[in-house]
Amino acid sequence: MDRKSIAIDMDEVLADTFKKLLKTVNEVCHLSLTEAEVKGNKMWKLLNAEQAIELRKAINSPGFFRDLEVIDSAVQAVKELSEHYDIYIATAAMEVPNSFHDKYEWLIEHFPFLDARYFIFCGDKKVVHADYLIDDTVSQLDAFTGKGILFKANHNENMETNHMQVDNWQEVLELFTSLQVV
């Protein structure tokens, strides 16, 4: 029997990019934004043009993506899923070209049991051919040709979508258990 495949986004699904982004925007733009103020919004919409340029420079600097915290329970859940599914990591790295090396090293460190040949650094996830995609961005899920699963993140709170939705990795495991024995 052929194994089904799951593509998993990195930022805000495996890695807590938001936490570092909030800290960085407050530092480089001399702001004091809180998580509550940003909830349900793209942080970029809260910045003026000059602040956006400064934040983009900080994000595109080497090392930004290297020390991100892992989302709670992600490692164990992905390990469990990898026993029954082919796991691909599909990260939209084209928006931040200097992120490739950091993201690769981060994935190797935190998910050493995954096959690095299944890491996909892309822009638009319509190029990813898997049975499922777990992502925090509705537009990526809309472009995907398999079944999309929206992973809850600060920016997509209360977002209306036709995609299945999960709040955390425990719910991901429960969903895949209901689809097939995990």
C-alpha atoms as a PDB file:
ATOM      1  CA  MET A   1       0.000   0.000   0.000  1.00  0.00           C
ATOM      2  CA  ASP A   2       1.297   3.447  -0.906  1.00  0.00           C
ATOM      3  CA  ARG A   3       1.915   5.784   1.987  1.00  0.00           C
ATOM      4  CA  LYS A   4       0.085   9.083   1.909  1.00  0.00           C
ATOM      5  CA  SER A   5       2.125  12.253   2.173  1.00  0.00           C
ATOM      6  CA  ILE A   6       1.891  15.335   4.368  1.00  0.00           C
ATOM      7  CA  ALA A   7       3.600  18.612   3.527  1.00  0.00           C
ATOM      8  CA  ILE A   8       4.155  20.817   6.570  1.00  0.00           C
ATOM      9  CA  ASP A   9       4.904  24.519   6.578  1.00  0.00           C
ATOM     10  CA  MET A  10       7.736  25.678   8.836  1.00  0.00           C
ATOM     11  CA  ASP A  11       6.966  29.227  10.018  1.00  0.00           C
ATOM     12  CA  GLU A  12       4.131  29.375  12.563  1.00  0.00           C
ATOM     13  CA  VAL A  13       3.498  25.645  12.208  1.00  0.00           C
ATOM     14  CA  LEU A  14       6.788  24.093  13.324  1.00  0.00           C
ATOM     15  CA  ALA A  15       8.690  27.235  14.333  1.00  0.00           C
ATOM     16  CA  ASP A  16       7.449  30.131  16.450  1.00  0.00           C
ATOM     17  CA  THR A  17       8.462  32.839  13.997  1.00  0.00           C
ATOM     18  CA  PHE A  18       5.859  35.241  15.374  1.00  0.00           C
ATOM     19  CA  LYS A  19       7.516  35.460  18.795  1.00  0.00           C
ATOM     20  CA  LYS A  20      10.869  36.454  17.273  1.00  0.00           C
ATOM     21  CA  LEU A  21       9.203  38.759  14.743  1.00  0.00           C
ATOM     22  CA  LEU A  22       7.364  40.641  17.517  1.00  0.00           C
ATOM     23  CA  LYS A  23      10.548  41.000  19.563  1.00  0.00           C
ATOM     24  CA  THR A  24      12.506  42.148  16.499  1.00  0.00           C
ATOM     25  CA  VAL A  25       9.926  44.688  15.310  1.00  0.00           C
ATOM     26  CA  ASN A  26       9.823  46.229  18.774  1.00  0.00           C
ATOM     27  CA  GLU A  27      13.623  46.441  18.896  1.00  0.00           C
ATOM     28  CA  VAL A  28      14.427  47.708  15.400  1.00  0.00           C
ATOM     29  CA  CYS A  29      11.414  50.010  15.076  1.00  0.00           C
ATOM     30  CA  HIS A  30      11.435  51.218  18.708  1.00  0.00           C
ATOM     31  CA  LEU A  31       7.856  50.088  19.240  1.00  0.00           C
ATOM     32  CA  SER A  32       6.078  48.295  22.052  1.00  0.00           C
ATOM     33  CA  LEU A  33       3.549  46.195  20.154  1.00  0.00           C
ATOM     34  CA  THR A  34       1.959  43.394  22.138  1.00  0.00           C
ATOM     35  CA  GLU A  35       0.701  40.019  20.996  1.00  0.00           C
ATOM     36  CA  ALA A  36      -2.862  41.178  21.678  1.00  0.00           C
ATOM     37  CA  GLU A  37      -2.457  44.250  19.445  1.00  0.00           C
ATOM     38  CA  VAL A  38      -1.241  42.146  16.553  1.00  0.00           C
ATOM     39  CA  LYS A  39      -3.752  39.289  16.997  1.00  0.00           C
ATOM     40  CA  GLY A  40      -5.766  38.677  13.847  1.00  0.00           C
ATOM     41  CA  ASN A  41      -3.563  40.993  11.741  1.00  0.00           C
ATOM     42  CA  LYS A  42      -0.504  40.772   9.616  1.00  0.00           C
ATOM     43  CA  MET A  43       2.134  42.676  11.570  1.00  0.00           C
ATOM     44  CA  TRP A  44       3.189  44.462   8.383  1.00  0.00           C
ATOM     45  CA  LYS A  45      -0.154  46.310   8.248  1.00  0.00           C
ATOM     46  CA  LEU A  46       0.701  48.014  11.539  1.00  0.00           C
ATOM     47  CA  LEU A  47       3.976  49.478  10.264  1.00  0.00           C
ATOM     48  CA  ASN A  48       4.747  52.554   8.207  1.00  0.00           C
ATOM     49  CA  ALA A  49       6.966  52.226   5.112  1.00  0.00           C
ATOM     50  CA  GLU A  50      10.212  53.045   6.948  1.00  0.00           C
ATOM     51  CA  GLN A  51       9.476  50.555   9.744  1.00  0.00           C
ATOM     52  CA  ALA A  52       8.628  47.868   7.191  1.00  0.00           C
ATOM     53  CA  ILE A  53      11.994  48.405   5.471  1.00  0.00           C
ATOM     54  CA  GLU A  54      13.850  48.100   8.789  1.00  0.00           C
ATOM     55  CA  LEU A  55      11.973  44.944   9.742  1.00  0.00           C
ATOM     56  CA  ARG A  56      12.565  43.394   6.319  1.00  0.00           C
ATOM     57  CA  LYS A  57      16.319  44.083   6.670  1.00  0.00           C
ATOM     58  CA  ALA A  58      16.357  42.428  10.106  1.00  0.00           C
ATOM     59  CA  ILE A  59      14.453  39.372   8.900  1.00  0.00           C
ATOM     60  CA  ASN A  60      16.683  38.972   5.859  1.00  0.00           C
ATOM     61  CA  SER A  61      19.867  39.101   7.924  1.00  0.00           C
ATOM     62  CA  PRO A  62      21.760  35.827   8.400  1.00  0.00           C
ATOM     63  CA  GLY A  63      20.781  34.073  11.612  1.00  0.00           C
ATOM     64  CA  PHE A  64      17.246  35.413  11.981  1.00  0.00           C
ATOM     65  CA  PHE A  65      15.592  32.027  11.358  1.00  0.00           C
ATOM     66  CA  ARG A  66      18.277  29.913  13.042  1.00  0.00           C
ATOM     67  CA  ASP A  67      17.222  30.236  16.693  1.00  0.00           C
ATOM     68  CA  LEU A  68      13.433  30.127  16.474  1.00  0.00           C
ATOM     69  CA  GLU A  69      11.596  28.253  19.213  1.00  0.00           C
ATOM     70  CA  VAL A  70       9.829  25.032  18.253  1.00  0.00           C
ATOM     71  CA  ILE A  71       6.021  25.104  18.446  1.00  0.00           C
ATOM     72  CA  ASP A  72       4.783  23.036  21.400  1.00  0.00           C
ATOM     73  CA  SER A  73       4.619  19.284  20.699  1.00  0.00           C
ATOM     74  CA  ALA A  74       5.638  19.670  17.042  1.00  0.00           C
ATOM     75  CA  VAL A  75       8.690  17.403  17.191  1.00  0.00           C
ATOM     76  CA  GLN A  76       6.912  14.472  18.821  1.00  0.00           C
ATOM     77  CA  ALA A  77       3.813  14.850  16.634  1.00  0.00           C
ATOM     78  CA  VAL A  78       5.793  14.998  13.385  1.00  0.00           C
ATOM     79  CA  LYS A  79       7.863  12.020  14.509  1.00  0.00           C
ATOM     80  CA  GLU A  80       4.668  10.072  15.159  1.00  0.00           C
ATOM     81  CA  LEU A  81       3.189  11.076  11.798  1.00  0.00           C
ATOM     82  CA  SER A  82       6.433  10.131  10.006  1.00  0.00           C
ATOM     83  CA  GLU A  83       5.920   6.527  11.073  1.00  0.00           C
ATOM     84  CA  HIS A  84       2.837   6.332   8.827  1.00  0.00           C
ATOM     85  CA  TYR A  85       3.173   9.159   6.267  1.00  0.00           C
ATOM     86  CA  ASP A  86       5.855  10.565   4.016  1.00  0.00           C
ATOM     87  CA  ILE A  87       6.640  13.962   5.526  1.00  0.00           C
ATOM     88  CA  TYR A  88       7.725  16.934   3.428  1.00  0.00           C
ATOM     89  CA  ILE A  89       8.648  20.309   4.861  1.00  0.00           C
ATOM     90  CA  ALA A  90       7.419  23.028   2.501  1.00  0.00           C
ATOM     91  CA  THR A  91       8.528  26.500   3.499  1.00  0.00           C
ATOM     92  CA  ALA A  92       7.972  29.681   1.500  1.00  0.00           C
ATOM     93  CA  ALA A  93      11.589  30.774   1.701  1.00  0.00           C
ATOM     94  CA  MET A  94      11.615  32.787  -1.535  1.00  0.00           C
ATOM     95  CA  GLU A  95      10.293  35.865   0.269  1.00  0.00           C
ATOM     96  CA  VAL A  96      13.423  35.914   2.464  1.00  0.00           C
ATOM     97  CA  PRO A  97      16.353  34.628   0.362  1.00  0.00           C
ATOM     98  CA  ASN A  98      18.851  34.684   3.229  1.00  0.00           C
ATOM     99  CA  SER A  99      16.646  32.301   5.215  1.00  0.00           C
ATOM    100  CA  PHE A 100      17.547  29.142   3.279  1.00  0.00           C
ATOM    101  CA  HIS A 101      20.635  28.151   5.262  1.00  0.00           C
ATOM    102  CA  ASP A 102      19.096  29.066   8.638  1.00  0.00           C
ATOM    103  CA  LYS A 103      15.919  27.130   7.923  1.00  0.00           C
ATOM    104  CA  TYR A 104      17.824  24.098   6.690  1.00  0.00           C
ATOM    105  CA  GLU A 105      20.078  24.062   9.776  1.00  0.00           C
ATOM    106  CA  TRP A 106      17.062  24.609  12.082  1.00  0.00           C
ATOM    107  CA  LEU A 107      15.207  21.681  10.526  1.00  0.00           C
ATOM    108  CA  ILE A 108      18.248  19.386  10.759  1.00  0.00           C
ATOM    109  CA  GLU A 109      18.698  20.304  14.430  1.00  0.00           C
ATOM    110  CA  HIS A 110      15.083  19.944  15.556  1.00  0.00           C
ATOM    111  CA  PHE A 111      13.799  17.257  13.160  1.00  0.00           C
ATOM    112  CA  PRO A 112      16.852  15.012  12.584  1.00  0.00           C
ATOM    113  CA  PHE A 113      14.614  12.017  11.860  1.00  0.00           C
ATOM    114  CA  LEU A 114      13.268  13.656   8.666  1.00  0.00           C
ATOM    115  CA  ASP A 115      14.893  13.141   5.280  1.00  0.00           C
ATOM    116  CA  ALA A 116      16.472  16.458   4.211  1.00  0.00           C
ATOM    117  CA  ARG A 117      15.790  15.505   0.583  1.00  0.00           C
ATOM    118  CA  TYR A 118      12.122  16.117   1.450  1.00  0.00           C
ATOM    119  CA  PHE A 119      12.710  19.770   2.406  1.00  0.00           C
ATOM    120  CA  ILE A 120      11.086  22.077  -0.150  1.00  0.00           C
ATOM    121  CA  PHE A 121      12.108  25.738  -0.277  1.00  0.00           C
ATOM    122  CA  CYS A 122       9.537  27.400  -2.480  1.00  0.00           C
ATOM    123  CA  GLY A 123       7.388  30.462  -3.012  1.00  0.00           C
ATOM    124  CA  ASP A 124       3.957  29.212  -4.030  1.00  0.00           C
ATOM    125  CA  LYS A 125       2.929  25.869  -2.559  1.00  0.00           C
ATOM    126  CA  LYS A 126       0.899  24.919  -5.624  1.00  0.00           C
ATOM    127  CA  VAL A 127       4.178  23.290  -6.748  1.00  0.00           C
ATOM    128  CA  VAL A 128       3.984  20.895  -3.794  1.00  0.00           C
ATOM    129  CA  HIS A 129       2.332  17.593  -4.622  1.00  0.00           C
ATOM    130  CA  ALA A 130       1.317  15.861  -1.416  1.00  0.00           C
ATOM    131  CA  ASP A 131      -1.954  14.498  -0.101  1.00  0.00           C
ATOM    132  CA  TYR A 132      -2.166  17.058   2.732  1.00  0.00           C
ATOM    133  CA  LEU A 133      -0.670  20.448   3.512  1.00  0.00           C
ATOM    134  CA  ILE A 134      -0.584  21.854   7.042  1.00  0.00           C
ATOM    135  CA  ASP A 135      -0.049  25.613   6.769  1.00  0.00           C
ATOM    136  CA  ASP A 136      -0.970  28.844   8.571  1.00  0.00           C
ATOM    137  CA  THR A 137      -1.596  30.821   5.369  1.00  0.00           C
ATOM    138  CA  VAL A 138      -4.969  30.456   3.650  1.00  0.00           C
ATOM    139  CA  SER A 139      -3.643  31.630   0.273  1.00  0.00           C
ATOM    140  CA  GLN A 140      -1.059  28.813   0.314  1.00  0.00           C
ATOM    141  CA  LEU A 141      -3.771  26.294   1.163  1.00  0.00           C
ATOM    142  CA  ASP A 142      -6.000  27.693  -1.593  1.00  0.00           C
ATOM    143  CA  ALA A 143      -3.224  27.176  -4.171  1.00  0.00           C
ATOM    144  CA  PHE A 144      -2.483  23.646  -2.954  1.00  0.00           C
ATOM    145  CA  THR A 145      -4.111  20.810  -4.923  1.00  0.00           C
ATOM    146  CA  GLY A 146      -4.426  18.290  -2.057  1.00  0.00           C
ATOM    147  CA  LYS A 147      -6.354  18.667   1.204  1.00  0.00           C
ATOM    148  CA  GLY A 148      -5.422  21.808   3.099  1.00  0.00           C
ATOM    149  CA  ILE A 149      -5.340  22.080   6.892  1.00  0.00           C
ATOM    150  CA  LEU A 150      -5.145  25.542   8.447  1.00  0.00           C
ATOM    151  CA  PHE A 151      -2.881  25.645  11.500  1.00  0.00           C
ATOM    152  CA  LYS A 152      -3.990  28.357  13.920  1.00  0.00           C
ATOM    153  CA  ALA A 153      -1.569  31.260  14.232  1.00  0.00           C
ATOM    154  CA  ASN A 154      -1.758  34.759  15.616  1.00  0.00           C
ATOM    155  CA  HIS A 155      -2.436  36.328  12.207  1.00  0.00           C
ATOM    156  CA  ASN A 156      -5.240  33.958  11.164  1.00  0.00           C
ATOM    157  CA  GLU A 157      -7.341  34.006  14.352  1.00  0.00           C
ATOM    158  CA  ASN A 158     -11.067  33.922  13.598  1.00  0.00           C
ATOM    159  CA  MET A 159     -10.415  33.666   9.860  1.00  0.00           C
ATOM    160  CA  GLU A 160     -13.200  32.180   7.790  1.00  0.00           C
ATOM    161  CA  THR A 161     -12.072  29.360   5.527  1.00  0.00           C
ATOM    162  CA  ASN A 162     -13.363  26.148   4.006  1.00  0.00           C
ATOM    163  CA  HIS A 163     -10.190  24.300   4.994  1.00  0.00           C
ATOM    164  CA  MET A 164     -10.042  21.969   7.980  1.00  0.00           C
ATOM    165  CA  GLN A 165      -8.627  23.856  10.967  1.00  0.00           C
ATOM    166  CA  VAL A 166      -6.464  22.780  13.878  1.00  0.00           C
ATOM    167  CA  ASP A 167      -5.351  24.769  16.917  1.00  0.00           C
ATOM    168  CA  ASN A 168      -2.243  22.774  17.845  1.00  0.00           C
ATOM    169  CA  TRP A 169      -0.262  19.606  17.213  1.00  0.00           C
ATOM    170  CA  GLN A 170      -2.460  17.481  19.464  1.00  0.00           C
ATOM    171  CA  GLU A 171      -5.393  18.333  17.186  1.00  0.00           C
ATOM    172  CA  VAL A 172      -3.261  17.449  14.142  1.00  0.00           C
ATOM    173  CA  LEU A 173      -2.634  13.985  15.590  1.00  0.00           C
ATOM    174  CA  GLU A 174      -6.314  13.579  16.431  1.00  0.00           C
ATOM    175  CA  LEU A 175      -7.292  14.598  12.892  1.00  0.00           C
ATOM    176  CA  PHE A 176      -4.925  12.122  11.262  1.00  0.00           C
ATOM    177  CA  THR A 177      -5.979   9.410  13.699  1.00  0.00           C
ATOM    178  CA  SER A 178      -9.567   9.963  12.559  1.00  0.00           C
ATOM    179  CA  LEU A 179      -8.480   9.807   8.886  1.00  0.00           C
ATOM    180  CA  GLN A 180      -6.346   6.688   9.271  1.00  0.00           C
ATOM    181  CA  VAL A 181      -4.659   4.782  12.059  1.00  0.00           C
ATOM    182  CA  VAL A 182      -1.612   6.764  13.300  1.00  0.00           C
END
